[in-house]
Amino acid sequence: MSYKFGIITDSGADFSPEYQKEHDLILIPTRIIVNGEEFIDRENIFREDIIHKMKNEKAKTSTSVAPPIEFNNIISKALDKYDKLLYIAISSKMSATFQNAVLTAKRLKTDNFIAIDTESVSRGMSLLIDHAIIRRKKGVSIEEIVEEIEFMKNNLELYFIVDTLEYLRRGGRIGAAKGLLGKLIGVKPILTIKEGEISPVESVKSLKEGLEFFYHILEEKTKEFKDYSITMIYGIETPEFKEFASQIKHDFKPIKFYYSPIGANIISHAGPELFGFGIIKVPEKAIESYEK
């Protein structure tokens, strides 16, 4: 199927290679650095690789943005294929990819490039990307989709629990949670994305306690949003989290439900021991597009 506009994103979002291929999703890949050696996300390093290196080799990891020539090549090629491009980007407070893409479009002197700073990351971004894909299939214009995404990104919540803040500290992505460093002895932090950066919410003694906290947040947000999609995310899957995700799907009956692992980019910053969820309000006029 051909579309009038293309959708671009970056490694800040999480989705499978199959999903990317099925929807012709254009990716600007992050560079992932492991013990000083550079890899290209989803080309020569994948989530399983980074988990193995972090768990078994105690590898030091970081990331960097793609070089300017790659931005130029990817965006130029996409403009040759599509009339217009919609770039759905990781929070500009977490990465320079948004700014670099916008600068590239200016250098190319094109007016057919629209960039949205999601002020989010991982599956929070993917909820917005999936909405754009769903609505594009229905023939909705890029301008209307942009309006919907701007509304949705302001009605998006992403919460996650990590085993330690050390990975976030090393990668410089700790945001407002830096005040917790050295204070979390024997407990796990629950974090959220607020105004485009990581912010602390609570600390718990166990994953079980963290999941109970998640459930209470979802009880509140589902009542507030009324029409919503939910995504459950994990670094290393556990039976406990898988069962919890099934309970969430059963109890809250979202319009659309996702259960997905996070990718190498996010793992390299947050660590493999991550569990979380995202919830987003779906605009009333778009609900029919989600129906099977």
C-alpha atoms as a PDB file:
ATOM      1  CA  MET A   1       0.000   0.000   0.000  1.00  0.00           C
ATOM      2  CA  SER A   2       1.296   3.463  -0.875  1.00  0.00           C
ATOM      3  CA  TYR A   3       0.729   6.516   1.291  1.00  0.00           C
ATOM      4  CA  LYS A   4       0.848  10.238   0.639  1.00  0.00           C
ATOM      5  CA  PHE A   5       3.138  10.848   3.592  1.00  0.00           C
ATOM      6  CA  GLY A   6       5.847   8.910   5.336  1.00  0.00           C
ATOM      7  CA  ILE A   7       6.425   8.438   9.053  1.00  0.00           C
ATOM      8  CA  ILE A   8       9.936   8.758  10.488  1.00  0.00           C
ATOM      9  CA  THR A   9      11.066   8.070  14.026  1.00  0.00           C
ATOM     10  CA  ASP A  10      14.279   7.258  15.874  1.00  0.00           C
ATOM     11  CA  SER A  11      15.714   4.651  18.214  1.00  0.00           C
ATOM     12  CA  GLY A  12      14.046   6.348  21.163  1.00  0.00           C
ATOM     13  CA  ALA A  13      10.895   4.451  20.147  1.00  0.00           C
ATOM     14  CA  ASP A  14      10.431   0.712  20.621  1.00  0.00           C
ATOM     15  CA  PHE A  15       8.877  -1.584  18.030  1.00  0.00           C
ATOM     16  CA  SER A  16       9.761  -4.840  16.330  1.00  0.00           C
ATOM     17  CA  PRO A  17      11.568  -5.159  12.968  1.00  0.00           C
ATOM     18  CA  GLU A  18       8.399  -6.818  11.633  1.00  0.00           C
ATOM     19  CA  TYR A  19       6.304  -3.823  12.674  1.00  0.00           C
ATOM     20  CA  GLN A  20       8.771  -1.435  11.049  1.00  0.00           C
ATOM     21  CA  LYS A  21       8.706  -3.344   7.784  1.00  0.00           C
ATOM     22  CA  GLU A  22       4.936  -3.849   7.728  1.00  0.00           C
ATOM     23  CA  HIS A  23       4.217  -0.143   8.081  1.00  0.00           C
ATOM     24  CA  ASP A  24       7.202   1.191   6.122  1.00  0.00           C
ATOM     25  CA  LEU A  25       8.331   3.054   9.231  1.00  0.00           C
ATOM     26  CA  ILE A  26      11.518   5.011   8.529  1.00  0.00           C
ATOM     27  CA  LEU A  27      14.129   4.828  11.297  1.00  0.00           C
ATOM     28  CA  ILE A  28      16.997   7.123  12.229  1.00  0.00           C
ATOM     29  CA  PRO A  29      19.140   4.679  14.220  1.00  0.00           C
ATOM     30  CA  THR A  30      21.059   5.620  17.331  1.00  0.00           C
ATOM     31  CA  ARG A  31      24.695   4.632  17.804  1.00  0.00           C
ATOM     32  CA  ILE A  32      25.120   2.386  20.839  1.00  0.00           C
ATOM     33  CA  ILE A  33      28.551   2.362  22.433  1.00  0.00           C
ATOM     34  CA  VAL A  34      29.574  -0.714  24.408  1.00  0.00           C
ATOM     35  CA  ASN A  35      32.916  -0.560  26.197  1.00  0.00           C
ATOM     36  CA  GLY A  36      34.066   2.049  23.686  1.00  0.00           C
ATOM     37  CA  GLU A  37      32.987   0.091  20.591  1.00  0.00           C
ATOM     38  CA  GLU A  38      30.302   1.682  18.421  1.00  0.00           C
ATOM     39  CA  PHE A  39      27.315  -0.222  17.017  1.00  0.00           C
ATOM     40  CA  ILE A  40      24.254   0.805  15.003  1.00  0.00           C
ATOM     41  CA  ASP A  41      20.972   0.081  16.770  1.00  0.00           C
ATOM     42  CA  ARG A  42      18.913  -2.652  15.053  1.00  0.00           C
ATOM     43  CA  GLU A  43      21.576  -3.143  12.380  1.00  0.00           C
ATOM     44  CA  ASN A  44      24.457  -4.825  14.186  1.00  0.00           C
ATOM     45  CA  ILE A  45      23.256  -4.763  17.784  1.00  0.00           C
ATOM     46  CA  PHE A  46      19.892  -5.802  19.205  1.00  0.00           C
ATOM     47  CA  ARG A  47      18.179  -5.902  22.588  1.00  0.00           C
ATOM     48  CA  GLU A  48      19.308  -9.461  23.305  1.00  0.00           C
ATOM     49  CA  ASP A  49      22.942  -8.478  22.638  1.00  0.00           C
ATOM     50  CA  ILE A  50      22.886  -5.502  24.965  1.00  0.00           C
ATOM     51  CA  ILE A  51      21.159  -7.459  27.739  1.00  0.00           C
ATOM     52  CA  HIS A  52      23.777 -10.203  27.497  1.00  0.00           C
ATOM     53  CA  LYS A  53      26.644  -7.724  27.583  1.00  0.00           C
ATOM     54  CA  MET A  54      25.213  -5.807  30.533  1.00  0.00           C
ATOM     55  CA  LYS A  55      24.259  -8.871  32.560  1.00  0.00           C
ATOM     56  CA  ASN A  56      27.205 -11.156  31.841  1.00  0.00           C
ATOM     57  CA  GLU A  57      30.041  -8.839  30.916  1.00  0.00           C
ATOM     58  CA  LYS A  58      29.143  -5.844  33.114  1.00  0.00           C
ATOM     59  CA  ALA A  59      29.584  -3.739  29.978  1.00  0.00           C
ATOM     60  CA  LYS A  60      29.556   0.054  30.126  1.00  0.00           C
ATOM     61  CA  THR A  61      27.051   1.426  27.646  1.00  0.00           C
ATOM     62  CA  SER A  62      26.106   4.791  26.211  1.00  0.00           C
ATOM     63  CA  THR A  63      24.555   6.209  23.042  1.00  0.00           C
ATOM     64  CA  SER A  64      25.155   8.942  20.508  1.00  0.00           C
ATOM     65  CA  VAL A  65      23.115  10.384  17.664  1.00  0.00           C
ATOM     66  CA  ALA A  66      23.624   9.406  14.051  1.00  0.00           C
ATOM     67  CA  PRO A  67      26.098  11.576  12.092  1.00  0.00           C
ATOM     68  CA  PRO A  68      24.694  14.511  10.046  1.00  0.00           C
ATOM     69  CA  ILE A  69      25.305  12.725   6.738  1.00  0.00           C
ATOM     70  CA  GLU A  70      22.987   9.926   7.820  1.00  0.00           C
ATOM     71  CA  PHE A  71      20.210  12.351   8.732  1.00  0.00           C
ATOM     72  CA  ASN A  72      20.663  13.920   5.307  1.00  0.00           C
ATOM     73  CA  ASN A  73      20.620  10.584   3.466  1.00  0.00           C
ATOM     74  CA  ILE A  74      17.598   9.174   5.321  1.00  0.00           C
ATOM     75  CA  ILE A  75      15.457  12.303   5.054  1.00  0.00           C
ATOM     76  CA  SER A  76      16.428  12.978   1.426  1.00  0.00           C
ATOM     77  CA  LYS A  77      15.573   9.424   0.410  1.00  0.00           C
ATOM     78  CA  ALA A  78      12.254   9.605   2.248  1.00  0.00           C
ATOM     79  CA  LEU A  79      11.364  12.906   0.537  1.00  0.00           C
ATOM     80  CA  ASP A  80      11.987  11.252  -2.828  1.00  0.00           C
ATOM     81  CA  LYS A  81       9.437   8.583  -1.925  1.00  0.00           C
ATOM     82  CA  TYR A  82       6.761  10.606  -0.108  1.00  0.00           C
ATOM     83  CA  ASP A  83       5.064  13.954  -0.709  1.00  0.00           C
ATOM     84  CA  LYS A  84       5.382  14.825   2.983  1.00  0.00           C
ATOM     85  CA  LEU A  85       7.126  13.453   6.071  1.00  0.00           C
ATOM     86  CA  LEU A  86       5.986  13.263   9.690  1.00  0.00           C
ATOM     87  CA  TYR A  87       8.823  12.859  12.179  1.00  0.00           C
ATOM     88  CA  ILE A  88       7.741  11.590  15.600  1.00  0.00           C
ATOM     89  CA  ALA A  89      10.765  12.122  17.829  1.00  0.00           C
ATOM     90  CA  ILE A  90      12.144  11.176  21.214  1.00  0.00           C
ATOM     91  CA  SER A  91      12.019  13.983  23.781  1.00  0.00           C
ATOM     92  CA  SER A  92      14.388  16.782  22.800  1.00  0.00           C
ATOM     93  CA  LYS A  93      15.498  16.915  26.442  1.00  0.00           C
ATOM     94  CA  MET A  94      16.831  13.367  26.187  1.00  0.00           C
ATOM     95  CA  SER A  95      18.457  13.415  22.763  1.00  0.00           C
ATOM     96  CA  ALA A  96      19.650  15.758  20.022  1.00  0.00           C
ATOM     97  CA  THR A  97      17.920  13.743  17.289  1.00  0.00           C
ATOM     98  CA  PHE A  98      14.903  16.074  17.130  1.00  0.00           C
ATOM     99  CA  GLN A  99      17.070  19.164  16.664  1.00  0.00           C
ATOM    100  CA  ASN A 100      19.329  17.423  14.162  1.00  0.00           C
ATOM    101  CA  ALA A 101      16.397  16.273  12.034  1.00  0.00           C
ATOM    102  CA  VAL A 102      14.849  19.744  12.000  1.00  0.00           C
ATOM    103  CA  LEU A 103      18.188  21.308  11.020  1.00  0.00           C
ATOM    104  CA  THR A 104      18.566  18.734   8.256  1.00  0.00           C
ATOM    105  CA  ALA A 105      15.137  19.591   6.838  1.00  0.00           C
ATOM    106  CA  LYS A 106      16.113  23.278   6.857  1.00  0.00           C
ATOM    107  CA  ARG A 107      19.345  22.532   5.003  1.00  0.00           C
ATOM    108  CA  LEU A 108      17.349  20.580   2.434  1.00  0.00           C
ATOM    109  CA  LYS A 109      15.062  23.616   2.090  1.00  0.00           C
ATOM    110  CA  THR A 110      11.895  21.576   2.297  1.00  0.00           C
ATOM    111  CA  ASP A 111       8.507  22.630   3.623  1.00  0.00           C
ATOM    112  CA  ASN A 112       7.237  19.058   3.519  1.00  0.00           C
ATOM    113  CA  PHE A 113       8.767  17.949   6.799  1.00  0.00           C
ATOM    114  CA  ILE A 114       6.769  18.141  10.049  1.00  0.00           C
ATOM    115  CA  ALA A 115       8.523  17.259  13.318  1.00  0.00           C
ATOM    116  CA  ILE A 116       6.810  16.508  16.620  1.00  0.00           C
ATOM    117  CA  ASP A 117       8.733  16.456  19.887  1.00  0.00           C
ATOM    118  CA  THR A 118       6.796  13.778  21.774  1.00  0.00           C
ATOM    119  CA  GLU A 119       8.400  14.757  25.092  1.00  0.00           C
ATOM    120  CA  SER A 120       8.402  11.010  25.702  1.00  0.00           C
ATOM    121  CA  VAL A 121      10.404   7.876  25.027  1.00  0.00           C
ATOM    122  CA  SER A 122      10.134   4.138  24.362  1.00  0.00           C
ATOM    123  CA  ARG A 123       6.591   2.806  24.163  1.00  0.00           C
ATOM    124  CA  GLY A 124       5.234   6.239  25.047  1.00  0.00           C
ATOM    125  CA  MET A 125       6.510   7.347  21.643  1.00  0.00           C
ATOM    126  CA  SER A 126       5.263   4.143  20.054  1.00  0.00           C
ATOM    127  CA  LEU A 127       1.695   4.821  21.193  1.00  0.00           C
ATOM    128  CA  LEU A 128       1.822   8.054  19.186  1.00  0.00           C
ATOM    129  CA  ILE A 129       3.503   6.386  16.214  1.00  0.00           C
ATOM    130  CA  ASP A 130       0.897   3.642  16.158  1.00  0.00           C
ATOM    131  CA  HIS A 131      -1.885   6.231  16.226  1.00  0.00           C
ATOM    132  CA  ALA A 132      -0.345   7.981  13.226  1.00  0.00           C
ATOM    133  CA  ILE A 133      -0.111   4.667  11.368  1.00  0.00           C
ATOM    134  CA  ILE A 134      -3.699   3.691  12.211  1.00  0.00           C
ATOM    135  CA  ARG A 135      -5.066   7.044  11.086  1.00  0.00           C
ATOM    136  CA  ARG A 136      -2.906   7.155   7.949  1.00  0.00           C
ATOM    137  CA  LYS A 137      -4.448   3.838   6.891  1.00  0.00           C
ATOM    138  CA  LYS A 138      -7.855   5.493   7.121  1.00  0.00           C
ATOM    139  CA  GLY A 139      -6.771   8.258   4.784  1.00  0.00           C
ATOM    140  CA  VAL A 140      -6.675  10.997   7.415  1.00  0.00           C
ATOM    141  CA  SER A 141      -4.552  13.993   6.401  1.00  0.00           C
ATOM    142  CA  ILE A 142      -1.147  14.606   7.936  1.00  0.00           C
ATOM    143  CA  GLU A 143      -2.374  17.939   9.304  1.00  0.00           C
ATOM    144  CA  GLU A 144      -5.264  16.345  11.173  1.00  0.00           C
ATOM    145  CA  ILE A 145      -3.025  13.583  12.512  1.00  0.00           C
ATOM    146  CA  VAL A 146      -0.578  16.192  13.815  1.00  0.00           C
ATOM    147  CA  GLU A 147      -3.420  17.896  15.702  1.00  0.00           C
ATOM    148  CA  GLU A 148      -4.454  14.584  17.232  1.00  0.00           C
ATOM    149  CA  ILE A 149      -0.917  13.689  18.270  1.00  0.00           C
ATOM    150  CA  GLU A 150      -0.414  17.087  19.897  1.00  0.00           C
ATOM    151  CA  PHE A 151      -3.571  16.415  21.904  1.00  0.00           C
ATOM    152  CA  MET A 152      -2.532  12.862  22.743  1.00  0.00           C
ATOM    153  CA  LYS A 153       1.004  13.662  23.867  1.00  0.00           C
ATOM    154  CA  ASN A 154      -0.538  15.922  26.514  1.00  0.00           C
ATOM    155  CA  ASN A 155      -2.712  13.005  27.618  1.00  0.00           C
ATOM    156  CA  LEU A 156       0.034  10.398  27.823  1.00  0.00           C
ATOM    157  CA  GLU A 157       1.442   8.828  30.981  1.00  0.00           C
ATOM    158  CA  LEU A 158       4.507   6.586  31.111  1.00  0.00           C
ATOM    159  CA  TYR A 159       5.661   4.991  34.378  1.00  0.00           C
ATOM    160  CA  PHE A 160       8.445   2.507  34.973  1.00  0.00           C
ATOM    161  CA  ILE A 161      10.370   0.848  37.754  1.00  0.00           C
ATOM    162  CA  VAL A 162      14.097   0.158  37.532  1.00  0.00           C
ATOM    163  CA  ASP A 163      16.440  -1.860  39.682  1.00  0.00           C
ATOM    164  CA  THR A 164      18.987   0.938  39.967  1.00  0.00           C
ATOM    165  CA  LEU A 165      19.545   4.528  38.841  1.00  0.00           C
ATOM    166  CA  GLU A 166      23.178   3.821  38.010  1.00  0.00           C
ATOM    167  CA  TYR A 167      22.588   3.232  34.292  1.00  0.00           C
ATOM    168  CA  LEU A 168      20.578   6.442  33.948  1.00  0.00           C
ATOM    169  CA  ARG A 169      23.286   8.344  35.810  1.00  0.00           C
ATOM    170  CA  ARG A 170      26.032   7.013  33.542  1.00  0.00           C
ATOM    171  CA  GLY A 171      24.124   7.915  30.399  1.00  0.00           C
ATOM    172  CA  GLY A 172      23.207  11.409  31.551  1.00  0.00           C
ATOM    173  CA  ARG A 173      19.473  10.693  31.240  1.00  0.00           C
ATOM    174  CA  ILE A 174      18.629  10.792  34.928  1.00  0.00           C
ATOM    175  CA  GLY A 175      16.839  14.155  34.723  1.00  0.00           C
ATOM    176  CA  ALA A 176      15.024  15.290  37.849  1.00  0.00           C
ATOM    177  CA  ALA A 177      15.652  11.916  39.513  1.00  0.00           C
ATOM    178  CA  LYS A 178      19.287  12.815  40.236  1.00  0.00           C
ATOM    179  CA  GLY A 179      18.306  13.896  43.736  1.00  0.00           C
ATOM    180  CA  LEU A 180      17.608  10.253  44.571  1.00  0.00           C
ATOM    181  CA  LEU A 181      21.170   9.109  43.908  1.00  0.00           C
ATOM    182  CA  GLY A 182      22.642   7.506  46.998  1.00  0.00           C
ATOM    183  CA  LYS A 183      19.290   7.462  48.785  1.00  0.00           C
ATOM    184  CA  LEU A 184      17.789   4.269  47.388  1.00  0.00           C
ATOM    185  CA  ILE A 185      19.381   1.621  49.568  1.00  0.00           C
ATOM    186  CA  GLY A 186      17.273  -1.529  49.484  1.00  0.00           C
ATOM    187  CA  VAL A 187      14.458   0.030  47.452  1.00  0.00           C
ATOM    188  CA  LYS A 188      13.573   0.474  43.781  1.00  0.00           C
ATOM    189  CA  PRO A 189      12.623   3.822  42.195  1.00  0.00           C
ATOM    190  CA  ILE A 190       9.417   4.363  40.261  1.00  0.00           C
ATOM    191  CA  LEU A 191       9.924   7.000  37.592  1.00  0.00           C
ATOM    192  CA  THR A 192       7.810   8.863  35.074  1.00  0.00           C
ATOM    193  CA  ILE A 193       8.349  11.200  32.133  1.00  0.00           C
ATOM    194  CA  LYS A 194       7.378  14.753  33.004  1.00  0.00           C
ATOM    195  CA  GLU A 195       7.902  17.715  30.684  1.00  0.00           C
ATOM    196  CA  GLY A 196      10.162  15.583  28.538  1.00  0.00           C
ATOM    197  CA  GLU A 197      12.533  14.286  31.182  1.00  0.00           C
ATOM    198  CA  ILE A 198      12.706  11.574  33.813  1.00  0.00           C
ATOM    199  CA  SER A 199      11.164  12.469  37.161  1.00  0.00           C
ATOM    200  CA  PRO A 200      10.878  10.464  40.393  1.00  0.00           C
ATOM    201  CA  VAL A 201       7.469   9.389  41.638  1.00  0.00           C
ATOM    202  CA  GLU A 202       7.872   6.847  44.428  1.00  0.00           C
ATOM    203  CA  SER A 203      10.196   4.191  45.811  1.00  0.00           C
ATOM    204  CA  VAL A 204       9.148   0.638  46.628  1.00  0.00           C
ATOM    205  CA  LYS A 205      10.732  -2.379  48.272  1.00  0.00           C
ATOM    206  CA  SER A 206       9.858  -4.918  45.578  1.00  0.00           C
ATOM    207  CA  LEU A 207       8.526  -5.382  42.064  1.00  0.00           C
ATOM    208  CA  LYS A 208       5.284  -6.691  43.536  1.00  0.00           C
ATOM    209  CA  GLU A 209       4.819  -3.465  45.455  1.00  0.00           C
ATOM    210  CA  GLY A 210       5.671  -1.506  42.307  1.00  0.00           C
ATOM    211  CA  LEU A 211       3.051  -3.352  40.283  1.00  0.00           C
ATOM    212  CA  GLU A 212       0.438  -2.585  42.924  1.00  0.00           C
ATOM    213  CA  PHE A 213       1.373   1.087  42.580  1.00  0.00           C
ATOM    214  CA  PHE A 214       1.011   0.833  38.800  1.00  0.00           C
ATOM    215  CA  TYR A 215      -2.444  -0.689  39.204  1.00  0.00           C
ATOM    216  CA  HIS A 216      -3.631   2.210  41.371  1.00  0.00           C
ATOM    217  CA  ILE A 217      -2.327   4.756  38.860  1.00  0.00           C
ATOM    218  CA  LEU A 218      -4.158   2.956  36.058  1.00  0.00           C
ATOM    219  CA  GLU A 219      -7.375   2.912  38.075  1.00  0.00           C
ATOM    220  CA  GLU A 220      -7.190   6.703  38.260  1.00  0.00           C
ATOM    221  CA  LYS A 221      -6.097   7.339  34.693  1.00  0.00           C
ATOM    222  CA  THR A 222      -8.633   5.014  33.058  1.00  0.00           C
ATOM    223  CA  LYS A 223     -11.436   6.872  34.824  1.00  0.00           C
ATOM    224  CA  GLU A 224      -9.966  10.200  33.707  1.00  0.00           C
ATOM    225  CA  PHE A 225      -9.245   9.234  30.077  1.00  0.00           C
ATOM    226  CA  LYS A 226     -12.334   7.022  29.443  1.00  0.00           C
ATOM    227  CA  ASP A 227     -11.121   6.047  25.939  1.00  0.00           C
ATOM    228  CA  TYR A 228      -7.522   4.852  26.001  1.00  0.00           C
ATOM    229  CA  SER A 229      -4.802   2.490  24.840  1.00  0.00           C
ATOM    230  CA  ILE A 230      -2.408   0.788  27.252  1.00  0.00           C
ATOM    231  CA  THR A 231       1.075  -0.562  26.681  1.00  0.00           C
ATOM    232  CA  MET A 232       3.032  -2.786  29.055  1.00  0.00           C
ATOM    233  CA  ILE A 233       6.831  -2.754  28.731  1.00  0.00           C
ATOM    234  CA  TYR A 234       9.694  -4.815  30.072  1.00  0.00           C
ATOM    235  CA  GLY A 235      13.419  -5.318  29.732  1.00  0.00           C
ATOM    236  CA  ILE A 236      13.669  -8.950  30.823  1.00  0.00           C
ATOM    237  CA  GLU A 237      10.313 -10.689  30.914  1.00  0.00           C
ATOM    238  CA  THR A 238       9.240 -12.417  34.119  1.00  0.00           C
ATOM    239  CA  PRO A 239       6.183 -14.628  34.830  1.00  0.00           C
ATOM    240  CA  GLU A 240       5.093 -12.119  37.471  1.00  0.00           C
ATOM    241  CA  PHE A 241       5.030  -9.205  35.030  1.00  0.00           C
ATOM    242  CA  LYS A 242       3.437 -11.247  32.242  1.00  0.00           C
ATOM    243  CA  GLU A 243       0.622 -12.258  34.577  1.00  0.00           C
ATOM    244  CA  PHE A 244       0.228  -8.654  35.719  1.00  0.00           C
ATOM    245  CA  ALA A 245      -0.046  -7.473  32.099  1.00  0.00           C
ATOM    246  CA  SER A 246      -2.790 -10.022  31.451  1.00  0.00           C
ATOM    247  CA  GLN A 247      -4.641  -8.746  34.498  1.00  0.00           C
ATOM    248  CA  ILE A 248      -4.383  -5.151  33.263  1.00  0.00           C
ATOM    249  CA  LYS A 249      -5.786  -6.112  29.863  1.00  0.00           C
ATOM    250  CA  HIS A 250      -8.666  -8.017  31.486  1.00  0.00           C
ATOM    251  CA  ASP A 251      -9.534  -5.454  34.152  1.00  0.00           C
ATOM    252  CA  PHE A 252      -9.280  -2.216  32.151  1.00  0.00           C
ATOM    253  CA  LYS A 253     -10.242  -3.397  28.641  1.00  0.00           C
ATOM    254  CA  PRO A 254      -8.358  -0.742  26.639  1.00  0.00           C
ATOM    255  CA  ILE A 255      -9.292   0.127  23.062  1.00  0.00           C
ATOM    256  CA  LYS A 256      -5.913  -1.288  22.108  1.00  0.00           C
ATOM    257  CA  PHE A 257      -3.451  -3.226  24.249  1.00  0.00           C
ATOM    258  CA  TYR A 258       0.273  -3.684  23.654  1.00  0.00           C
ATOM    259  CA  TYR A 259       2.740  -5.948  25.441  1.00  0.00           C
ATOM    260  CA  SER A 260       6.262  -5.262  24.254  1.00  0.00           C
ATOM    261  CA  PRO A 261       9.949  -5.453  25.189  1.00  0.00           C
ATOM    262  CA  ILE A 262      12.073  -2.319  25.203  1.00  0.00           C
ATOM    263  CA  GLY A 263      14.899  -2.011  22.686  1.00  0.00           C
ATOM    264  CA  ALA A 264      18.677  -1.829  22.935  1.00  0.00           C
ATOM    265  CA  ASN A 265      18.766   1.976  23.055  1.00  0.00           C
ATOM    266  CA  ILE A 266      16.517   2.275  26.099  1.00  0.00           C
ATOM    267  CA  ILE A 267      18.090  -0.725  27.832  1.00  0.00           C
ATOM    268  CA  SER A 268      21.537   0.823  27.460  1.00  0.00           C
ATOM    269  CA  HIS A 269      20.339   3.831  29.472  1.00  0.00           C
ATOM    270  CA  ALA A 270      17.887   2.323  31.954  1.00  0.00           C
ATOM    271  CA  GLY A 271      19.261  -1.193  32.372  1.00  0.00           C
ATOM    272  CA  PRO A 272      17.606  -4.529  31.602  1.00  0.00           C
ATOM    273  CA  GLU A 273      15.662  -4.730  34.870  1.00  0.00           C
ATOM    274  CA  LEU A 274      12.867  -2.386  33.821  1.00  0.00           C
ATOM    275  CA  PHE A 275       9.100  -2.826  33.987  1.00  0.00           C
ATOM    276  CA  GLY A 276       6.456  -0.269  33.225  1.00  0.00           C
ATOM    277  CA  PHE A 277       3.337   0.864  31.429  1.00  0.00           C
ATOM    278  CA  GLY A 278       2.014   3.663  29.287  1.00  0.00           C
ATOM    279  CA  ILE A 279      -1.537   4.886  28.898  1.00  0.00           C
ATOM    280  CA  ILE A 280      -2.823   7.383  26.346  1.00  0.00           C
ATOM    281  CA  LYS A 281      -6.174   9.019  25.728  1.00  0.00           C
ATOM    282  CA  VAL A 282      -7.566   8.338  22.265  1.00  0.00           C
ATOM    283  CA  PRO A 283      -9.497  11.247  20.677  1.00  0.00           C
ATOM    284  CA  GLU A 284     -13.183  10.458  20.373  1.00  0.00           C
ATOM    285  CA  LYS A 285     -13.236  11.089  16.620  1.00  0.00           C
ATOM    286  CA  ALA A 286     -10.458   8.520  16.107  1.00  0.00           C
ATOM    287  CA  ILE A 287     -11.897   5.636  18.138  1.00  0.00           C
ATOM    288  CA  GLU A 288     -13.563   3.972  15.149  1.00  0.00           C
ATOM    289  CA  SER A 289     -10.173   3.744  13.442  1.00  0.00           C
ATOM    290  CA  TYR A 290      -8.991   1.420  16.214  1.00  0.00           C
ATOM    291  CA  GLU A 291     -11.831  -1.038  15.773  1.00  0.00           C
ATOM    292  CA  LYS A 292     -10.906  -4.298  14.055  1.00  0.00           C
END
